[in-house]
Every structure is written in structure tokens, then in C-alpha cells.
C-alpha atoms as a PDB file:
ATOM      1  CA  UNK A   1     -15.211  10.362  -0.524  1.00  0.00           C
ATOM      2  CA  UNK A   2     -14.650   8.082  -3.434  1.00  0.00           C
ATOM      3  CA  UNK A   3     -11.370   9.862  -4.023  1.00  0.00           C
ATOM      4  CA  UNK A   4     -10.063   9.641  -0.595  1.00  0.00           C
ATOM      5  CA  UNK A   5     -10.959   5.870  -0.577  1.00  0.00           C
ATOM      6  CA  UNK A   6      -8.899   5.492  -4.081  1.00  0.00           C
ATOM      7  CA  UNK A   7      -6.095   7.519  -2.537  1.00  0.00           C
ATOM      8  CA  UNK A   8      -5.660   5.423   0.725  1.00  0.00           C
ATOM      9  CA  UNK A   9      -5.864   2.294  -1.288  1.00  0.00           C
ATOM     10  CA  UNK A  10      -3.307   3.270  -3.721  1.00  0.00           C
ATOM     11  CA  UNK A  11      -0.942   4.472  -0.847  1.00  0.00           C
ATOM     12  CA  UNK A  12      -1.370   1.363   1.043  1.00  0.00           C
ATOM     13  CA  UNK A  13      -0.712  -0.925  -1.964  1.00  0.00           C
ATOM     14  CA  UNK A  14       2.351   0.959  -2.763  1.00  0.00           C
ATOM     15  CA  UNK A  15       3.766   1.033   0.799  1.00  0.00           C
ATOM     16  CA  UNK A  16       3.140  -2.680   1.210  1.00  0.00           C
ATOM     17  CA  UNK A  17       4.329  -3.896  -2.217  1.00  0.00           C
ATOM     18  CA  UNK A  18       7.133  -1.481  -2.524  1.00  0.00           C
ATOM     19  CA  UNK A  19       8.374  -2.118   1.183  1.00  0.00           C
ATOM     20  CA  UNK A  20       8.584  -5.829   0.441  1.00  0.00           C
ATOM     21  CA  UNK A  21      10.304  -5.446  -2.949  1.00  0.00           C
ATOM     22  CA  UNK A  22      12.943  -2.735  -1.369  1.00  0.00           C
ATOM     23  CA  UNK A  23      13.782  -5.169   1.297  1.00  0.00           C
ATOM     24  CA  UNK A  24      14.401  -7.905  -1.269  1.00  0.00           C
ATOM     25  CA  UNK A  25      16.362  -5.676  -3.510  1.00  0.00           C
ATOM     26  CA  UNK A  26      18.508  -4.480  -0.555  1.00  0.00           C
ATOM     27  CA  UNK A  27      19.354  -8.136   0.083  1.00  0.00           C
ATOM     28  CA  UNK A  28      20.330  -8.731  -3.373  1.00  0.00           C
ATOM     29  CA  UNK A  29      22.490  -5.744  -3.524  1.00  0.00           C
ATOM     30  CA  UNK A  30      24.425  -6.932  -0.354  1.00  0.00           C
ATOM     31  CA  UNK A  31      24.379 -10.617  -0.445  1.00  0.00           C
ATOM     32  CA  UNK A  32      23.517 -11.595  -4.140  1.00  0.00           C
ATOM     33  CA  UNK A  33      26.063 -12.595  -6.565  1.00  0.00           C
ATOM     34  CA  UNK A  34      27.992  -9.895  -8.446  1.00  0.00           C
ATOM     35  CA  UNK A  35      25.871  -9.598 -11.432  1.00  0.00           C
ATOM     36  CA  UNK A  36      22.665  -9.309  -9.207  1.00  0.00           C
ATOM     37  CA  UNK A  37      24.484  -6.640  -6.981  1.00  0.00           C
ATOM     38  CA  UNK A  38      25.038  -4.426  -9.911  1.00  0.00           C
ATOM     39  CA  UNK A  39      21.716  -4.997 -11.359  1.00  0.00           C
ATOM     40  CA  UNK A  40      20.289  -3.973  -7.954  1.00  0.00           C
ATOM     41  CA  UNK A  41      22.603  -0.849  -7.780  1.00  0.00           C
ATOM     42  CA  UNK A  42      21.413   0.202 -11.364  1.00  0.00           C
ATOM     43  CA  UNK A  43      17.530  -0.533 -10.375  1.00  0.00           C
ATOM     44  CA  UNK A  44      18.292   1.828  -7.235  1.00  0.00           C
ATOM     45  CA  UNK A  45      20.113   4.655  -8.851  1.00  0.00           C
ATOM     46  CA  UNK A  46      17.716   4.787 -11.789  1.00  0.00           C
ATOM     47  CA  UNK A  47      14.479   4.873  -9.909  1.00  0.00           C
ATOM     48  CA  UNK A  48      15.786   7.223  -7.211  1.00  0.00           C
ATOM     49  CA  UNK A  49      16.971   9.732  -9.883  1.00  0.00           C
ATOM     50  CA  UNK A  50      13.835   9.614 -12.356  1.00  0.00           C
ATOM     51  CA  UNK A  51      11.002  12.106 -11.432  1.00  0.00           C
ATOM     52  CA  UNK A  52       7.776  10.334 -10.444  1.00  0.00           C
ATOM     53  CA  UNK A  53       5.818  12.484 -12.824  1.00  0.00           C
ATOM     54  CA  UNK A  54       8.052  11.396 -15.758  1.00  0.00           C
ATOM     55  CA  UNK A  55       7.944   7.890 -14.754  1.00  0.00           C
ATOM     56  CA  UNK A  56       4.043   8.045 -14.572  1.00  0.00           C
ATOM     57  CA  UNK A  57       3.719   9.409 -18.049  1.00  0.00           C
ATOM     58  CA  UNK A  58       6.028   6.910 -19.474  1.00  0.00           C
ATOM     59  CA  UNK A  59       4.230   3.941 -17.923  1.00  0.00           C
ATOM     60  CA  UNK A  60       0.696   5.149 -18.823  1.00  0.00           C
ATOM     61  CA  UNK A  61       1.478   6.738 -22.292  1.00  0.00           C
ATOM     62  CA  UNK A  62       4.524   4.922 -23.710  1.00  0.00           C
ATOM     63  CA  UNK A  63       3.896   1.274 -22.694  1.00  0.00           C
ATOM     64  CA  UNK A  64       0.706   0.912 -24.927  1.00  0.00           C
ATOM     65  CA  UNK A  65       3.155   1.451 -27.822  1.00  0.00           C
ATOM     66  CA  UNK A  66       4.686  -1.881 -26.816  1.00  0.00           C
ATOM     67  CA  UNK A  67       1.342  -3.534 -26.541  1.00  0.00           C
ATOM     68  CA  UNK A  68       1.159  -3.093 -22.654  1.00  0.00           C
ATOM     69  CA  UNK A  69      -1.937  -1.142 -21.399  1.00  0.00           C
ATOM     70  CA  UNK A  70      -2.492  -0.405 -17.855  1.00  0.00           C
ATOM     71  CA  UNK A  71      -5.196   1.266 -16.136  1.00  0.00           C
ATOM     72  CA  UNK A  72      -4.575   4.752 -14.001  1.00  0.00           C
ATOM     73  CA  UNK A  73      -4.464   2.646 -10.649  1.00  0.00           C
ATOM     74  CA  UNK A  74      -2.117  -0.039 -11.924  1.00  0.00           C
ATOM     75  CA  UNK A  75       0.186   2.677 -13.629  1.00  0.00           C
ATOM     76  CA  UNK A  76       0.308   4.687 -10.551  1.00  0.00           C
ATOM     77  CA  UNK A  77       0.872   1.677  -8.334  1.00  0.00           C
ATOM     78  CA  UNK A  78       3.852   0.605 -10.589  1.00  0.00           C
ATOM     79  CA  UNK A  79       5.482   4.028 -11.004  1.00  0.00           C
ATOM     80  CA  UNK A  80       5.240   4.936  -7.407  1.00  0.00           C
ATOM     81  CA  UNK A  81       6.059   1.624  -6.167  1.00  0.00           C
ATOM     82  CA  UNK A  82       9.319   1.401  -8.392  1.00  0.00           C
ATOM     83  CA  UNK A  83      10.316   4.671  -6.818  1.00  0.00           C
ATOM     84  CA  UNK A  84       9.380   3.687  -3.316  1.00  0.00           C
ATOM     85  CA  UNK A  85      11.154   0.297  -3.389  1.00  0.00           C
ATOM     86  CA  UNK A  86      14.450   1.867  -4.520  1.00  0.00           C
ATOM     87  CA  UNK A  87      14.304   4.340  -1.315  1.00  0.00           C
ATOM     88  CA  UNK A  88      13.351   1.376   0.817  1.00  0.00           C
ATOM     89  CA  UNK A  89      16.311  -0.401  -0.384  1.00  0.00           C
ATOM     90  CA  UNK A  90      18.782   2.225   0.341  1.00  0.00           C
ATOM     91  CA  UNK A  91      17.208   2.764   3.882  1.00  0.00           C
ATOM     92  CA  UNK A  92      17.414  -0.954   4.860  1.00  0.00           C
ATOM     93  CA  UNK A  93      21.157  -1.164   3.293  1.00  0.00           C
ATOM     94  CA  UNK A  94      22.121   1.670   5.611  1.00  0.00           C
ATOM     95  CA  UNK A  95      20.334  -0.118   8.570  1.00  0.00           C
ATOM     96  CA  UNK A  96      22.016  -3.613   7.761  1.00  0.00           C
ATOM     97  CA  UNK A  97      25.538  -1.987   7.401  1.00  0.00           C
ATOM     98  CA  UNK A  98      25.108  -0.177  10.755  1.00  0.00           C
ATOM     99  CA  UNK A  99      24.886  -3.828  12.492  1.00  0.00           C
ATOM    100  CA  UNK A 100      28.379  -4.813  13.801  1.00  0.00           C
ATOM    101  CA  UNK A 101      29.958  -7.496  11.867  1.00  0.00           C
ATOM    102  CA  UNK A 102      30.351  -9.381  15.041  1.00  0.00           C
ATOM    103  CA  UNK A 103      26.736 -10.227  14.970  1.00  0.00           C
ATOM    104  CA  UNK A 104      27.181 -12.191  11.873  1.00  0.00           C
ATOM    105  CA  UNK A 105      30.256 -13.786  13.031  1.00  0.00           C
ATOM    106  CA  UNK A 106      28.720 -14.815  16.363  1.00  0.00           C
ATOM    107  CA  UNK A 107      25.865 -16.378  14.343  1.00  0.00           C
ATOM    108  CA  UNK A 108      28.179 -18.475  12.208  1.00  0.00           C
ATOM    109  CA  UNK A 109      30.006 -19.572  15.423  1.00  0.00           C
ATOM    110  CA  UNK A 110      26.610 -20.947  16.533  1.00  0.00           C
ATOM    111  CA  UNK A 111      26.195 -22.855  13.627  1.00  0.00           C
ATOM    112  CA  UNK A 112      23.261 -20.746  12.201  1.00  0.00           C
ATOM    113  CA  UNK A 113      22.638 -20.869   8.473  1.00  0.00           C
ATOM    114  CA  UNK A 114      22.906 -17.807   6.335  1.00  0.00           C
ATOM    115  CA  UNK A 115      19.166 -17.698   5.799  1.00  0.00           C
ATOM    116  CA  UNK A 116      18.474 -18.026   9.555  1.00  0.00           C
ATOM    117  CA  UNK A 117      21.118 -15.297  10.261  1.00  0.00           C
ATOM    118  CA  UNK A 118      19.509 -12.858   7.750  1.00  0.00           C
ATOM    119  CA  UNK A 119      15.919 -13.504   9.182  1.00  0.00           C
ATOM    120  CA  UNK A 120      16.602 -13.964  12.917  1.00  0.00           C
ATOM    121  CA  UNK A 121      19.490 -11.969  13.560  1.00  0.00           C
ATOM    122  CA  UNK A 122      20.223  -9.175  10.822  1.00  0.00           C
ATOM    123  CA  UNK A 123      16.752  -8.079   9.707  1.00  0.00           C
ATOM    124  CA  UNK A 124      15.176  -7.562  13.134  1.00  0.00           C
ATOM    125  CA  UNK A 125      17.779  -5.071  14.122  1.00  0.00           C
ATOM    126  CA  UNK A 126      17.888  -3.347  10.491  1.00  0.00           C
ATOM    127  CA  UNK A 127      14.146  -2.851  10.898  1.00  0.00           C
ATOM    128  CA  UNK A 128      14.566  -1.151  14.380  1.00  0.00           C
ATOM    129  CA  UNK A 129      17.229   1.075  12.783  1.00  0.00           C
ATOM    130  CA  UNK A 130      15.243   1.655   9.612  1.00  0.00           C
ATOM    131  CA  UNK A 131      11.618   2.269  10.773  1.00  0.00           C
ATOM    132  CA  UNK A 132      12.027   5.934  11.233  1.00  0.00           C
ATOM    133  CA  UNK A 133      13.457   6.960   7.808  1.00  0.00           C
ATOM    134  CA  UNK A 134      11.283   4.379   6.203  1.00  0.00           C
ATOM    135  CA  UNK A 135       8.242   5.711   7.867  1.00  0.00           C
ATOM    136  CA  UNK A 136       9.034   9.132   6.622  1.00  0.00           C
ATOM    137  CA  UNK A 137       9.643   7.856   3.134  1.00  0.00           C
ATOM    138  CA  UNK A 138       6.066   6.114   3.319  1.00  0.00           C
ATOM    139  CA  UNK A 139       4.505   9.452   4.262  1.00  0.00           C
ATOM    140  CA  UNK A 140       6.418  11.200   1.342  1.00  0.00           C
ATOM    141  CA  UNK A 141       5.168   8.515  -1.141  1.00  0.00           C
ATOM    142  CA  UNK A 142       1.523   8.785   0.344  1.00  0.00           C
ATOM    143  CA  UNK A 143       1.592  12.532  -0.580  1.00  0.00           C
ATOM    144  CA  UNK A 144       3.068  11.767  -4.050  1.00  0.00           C
ATOM    145  CA  UNK A 145      -0.138   9.655  -4.777  1.00  0.00           C
ATOM    146  CA  UNK A 146      -1.549  13.086  -5.736  1.00  0.00           C
ATOM    147  CA  UNK A 147       0.351  12.827  -9.100  1.00  0.00           C
ATOM    148  CA  UNK A 148      -1.814   9.971  -9.973  1.00  0.00           C
ATOM    149  CA  UNK A 149      -4.364  12.526 -11.083  1.00  0.00           C
ATOM    150  CA  UNK A 150      -2.255  13.036 -14.405  1.00  0.00           C
ATOM    151  CA  UNK A 151      -2.925   9.461 -15.562  1.00  0.00           C
ATOM    152  CA  UNK A 152      -6.788   9.736 -14.946  1.00  0.00           C
ATOM    153  CA  UNK A 153      -6.458   7.802 -11.761  1.00  0.00           C
ATOM    154  CA  UNK A 154      -9.746   8.941  -9.821  1.00  0.00           C
ATOM    155  CA  UNK A 155      -7.817   9.964  -6.684  1.00  0.00           C
ATOM    156  CA  UNK A 156      -8.549  12.619  -4.214  1.00  0.00           C
ATOM    157  CA  UNK A 157      -7.132  15.378  -6.115  1.00  0.00           C
ATOM    158  CA  UNK A 158      -8.580  14.133  -9.467  1.00  0.00           C
ATOM    159  CA  UNK A 159     -11.996  14.055  -8.022  1.00  0.00           C
ATOM    160  CA  UNK A 160     -11.372  17.594  -6.360  1.00  0.00           C
ATOM    161  CA  UNK A 161     -10.427  19.121  -9.596  1.00  0.00           C
ATOM    162  CA  UNK A 162     -13.367  17.550 -11.500  1.00  0.00           C
ATOM    163  CA  UNK A 163     -15.523  19.089  -9.010  1.00  0.00           C
ATOM    164  CA  UNK A 164     -13.899  22.407  -9.110  1.00  0.00           C
ATOM    165  CA  UNK A 165     -14.639  22.461 -12.855  1.00  0.00           C
ATOM    166  CA  UNK A 166     -18.287  21.774 -12.379  1.00  0.00           C
ATOM    167  CA  UNK A 167     -18.838  24.193  -9.663  1.00  0.00           C
ATOM    168  CA  UNK A 168     -16.417  26.906 -10.755  1.00  0.00           C
ATOM    169  CA  UNK A 169     -15.320  27.733  -7.069  1.00  0.00           C
ATOM    170  CA  UNK A 170     -12.179  26.572  -5.032  1.00  0.00           C
ATOM    171  CA  UNK A 171     -14.204  24.784  -2.249  1.00  0.00           C
ATOM    172  CA  UNK A 172     -13.698  21.356  -3.720  1.00  0.00           C
ATOM    173  CA  UNK A 173      -9.791  21.774  -3.597  1.00  0.00           C
ATOM    174  CA  UNK A 174      -9.924  23.264  -0.228  1.00  0.00           C
ATOM    175  CA  UNK A 175     -11.867  20.263   1.067  1.00  0.00           C
ATOM    176  CA  UNK A 176      -9.427  18.005  -0.753  1.00  0.00           C
ATOM    177  CA  UNK A 177      -6.523  19.800   1.040  1.00  0.00           C
ATOM    178  CA  UNK A 178      -8.225  19.397   4.394  1.00  0.00           C
ATOM    179  CA  UNK A 179      -8.885  15.607   3.583  1.00  0.00           C
ATOM    180  CA  UNK A 180      -5.002  15.244   2.880  1.00  0.00           C
ATOM    181  CA  UNK A 181      -4.263  16.912   6.273  1.00  0.00           C
ATOM    182  CA  UNK A 182      -6.550  14.603   8.174  1.00  0.00           C
ATOM    183  CA  UNK A 183      -5.042  11.568   6.552  1.00  0.00           C
ATOM    184  CA  UNK A 184      -1.430  12.641   6.626  1.00  0.00           C
ATOM    185  CA  UNK A 185      -0.928  14.673   9.575  1.00  0.00           C
ATOM    186  CA  UNK A 186      -1.184  11.893  12.137  1.00  0.00           C
ATOM    187  CA  UNK A 187       1.280  10.101   9.909  1.00  0.00           C
ATOM    188  CA  UNK A 188       3.748  13.102  10.136  1.00  0.00           C
ATOM    189  CA  UNK A 189       3.472  12.994  13.953  1.00  0.00           C
ATOM    190  CA  UNK A 190       4.016   9.170  13.992  1.00  0.00           C
ATOM    191  CA  UNK A 191       7.260   9.712  12.268  1.00  0.00           C
ATOM    192  CA  UNK A 192       8.238  12.378  14.624  1.00  0.00           C
ATOM    193  CA  UNK A 193       7.493   9.987  17.711  1.00  0.00           C
ATOM    194  CA  UNK A 194       9.317   7.101  16.189  1.00  0.00           C
ATOM    195  CA  UNK A 195      12.468   9.278  15.493  1.00  0.00           C
ATOM    196  CA  UNK A 196      12.390  10.489  19.073  1.00  0.00           C
ATOM    197  CA  UNK A 197      11.532   7.091  20.430  1.00  0.00           C
ATOM    198  CA  UNK A 198      14.334   5.362  18.706  1.00  0.00           C
ATOM    199  CA  UNK A 199      16.727   8.246  19.430  1.00  0.00           C
ATOM    200  CA  UNK A 200      16.119   8.075  23.199  1.00  0.00           C
ATOM    201  CA  UNK A 201      16.500   4.093  22.808  1.00  0.00           C
ATOM    202  CA  UNK A 202      19.862   4.395  21.314  1.00  0.00           C
ATOM    203  CA  UNK A 203      20.888   6.907  24.070  1.00  0.00           C
ATOM    204  CA  UNK A 204      19.577   4.230  26.709  1.00  0.00           C
ATOM    205  CA  UNK A 205      21.648   1.483  25.126  1.00  0.00           C
END
């Protein structure tokens, strides 16, 4: 039970922090000055390409050589948050670019400032488009929290493997698999529901 609590806390922290960071990076890429746009592109490409396990090991084991020491929770949050924010940035970029340019032109004609246009006009529509793939990415990153066990993070898998070592039977691992299903299966069904709902809304429109 301690492991499932840690896993849920880790997943929620990553999804919230990584989601906010991803939207900001997306805005930097689309509307920032040239140098910031290129920086955002490099950030997105690097963290979408690097395997999560490699990033976890680098953060947990390599950063101490630079005088930076993070515990298992912080290391897992940073590693998975970097990856999740890069995928979130791409999802929302696609959502924003799917909005007709006439929306922005109409806002300018009404005298709305750039900030108000983004906040009141562009982002609400982009969220509607991006929610299904973003939710799918959130479920995927929640499953990837199981990798945190390699950096001594006492998540569900780590606790289960420790218990399995003590009991010398697979029942703790089976229990962990069932707990993952209990937590993640409703989330998977939510993704399917959102995809179907927004697909039907698009046809109605």
C-alpha cells in the first residue's frame, strides 16, 4: 500500500508539473524569439529521443559527480517530467496549429492583445483538440513510473520486488500487477471515451 501511494503521488506530480511545463515550452516554440524557439526545439527533440531509463540513471548516478544529489522521488520526477513535458509540447503544438489562422486575425481585428488571444481564444480550442492524445500520454507516463524502482524509489514495483525477495514466491509481483490494473485500467478507458467523444463532436461540427 505504501508503494501504490508513492506511485500515485509520483504520477500526479509528473503529469501536473510536466503538463504545465509542456504547454509553456509549446508557446515558446511557436511564439518566442528565434533563439528561444530553437532552444525549445532542441529540448523537445532531445527528451523525446532519449530513453527514460537512461535519463533516470544519468540524473540519479551522474549528477552527484557535479555536486547535485537528488533522492529517488526527485530523480524520477525530474526524469519523467522532462520526457512528459516534451511530448506534451508536441501534442499542444499540433492542437494550436490545427486552429484556423482566421481565429487569430479575428482577435486582432477586435483589438485583443496577444496574451488575451492566446489565453482566451487559442488555448481553449487547442485543449479541446489535444485532450485525447494528452490523456493517452499521461497514462503512458504513469505506467513508466515503474522504472523509478531502478533509482531506489519505493514505488509499487520496488516494494513488490523487495517483498518477493523476502517471501521467495511471486505473489507480491502478481499483487503489484493487479494494483497497476486497478489504477490504470479506468484511465485507459477514459482515454477511449475522450477519443470517441471528441471524434463525435468533430463530426457534429
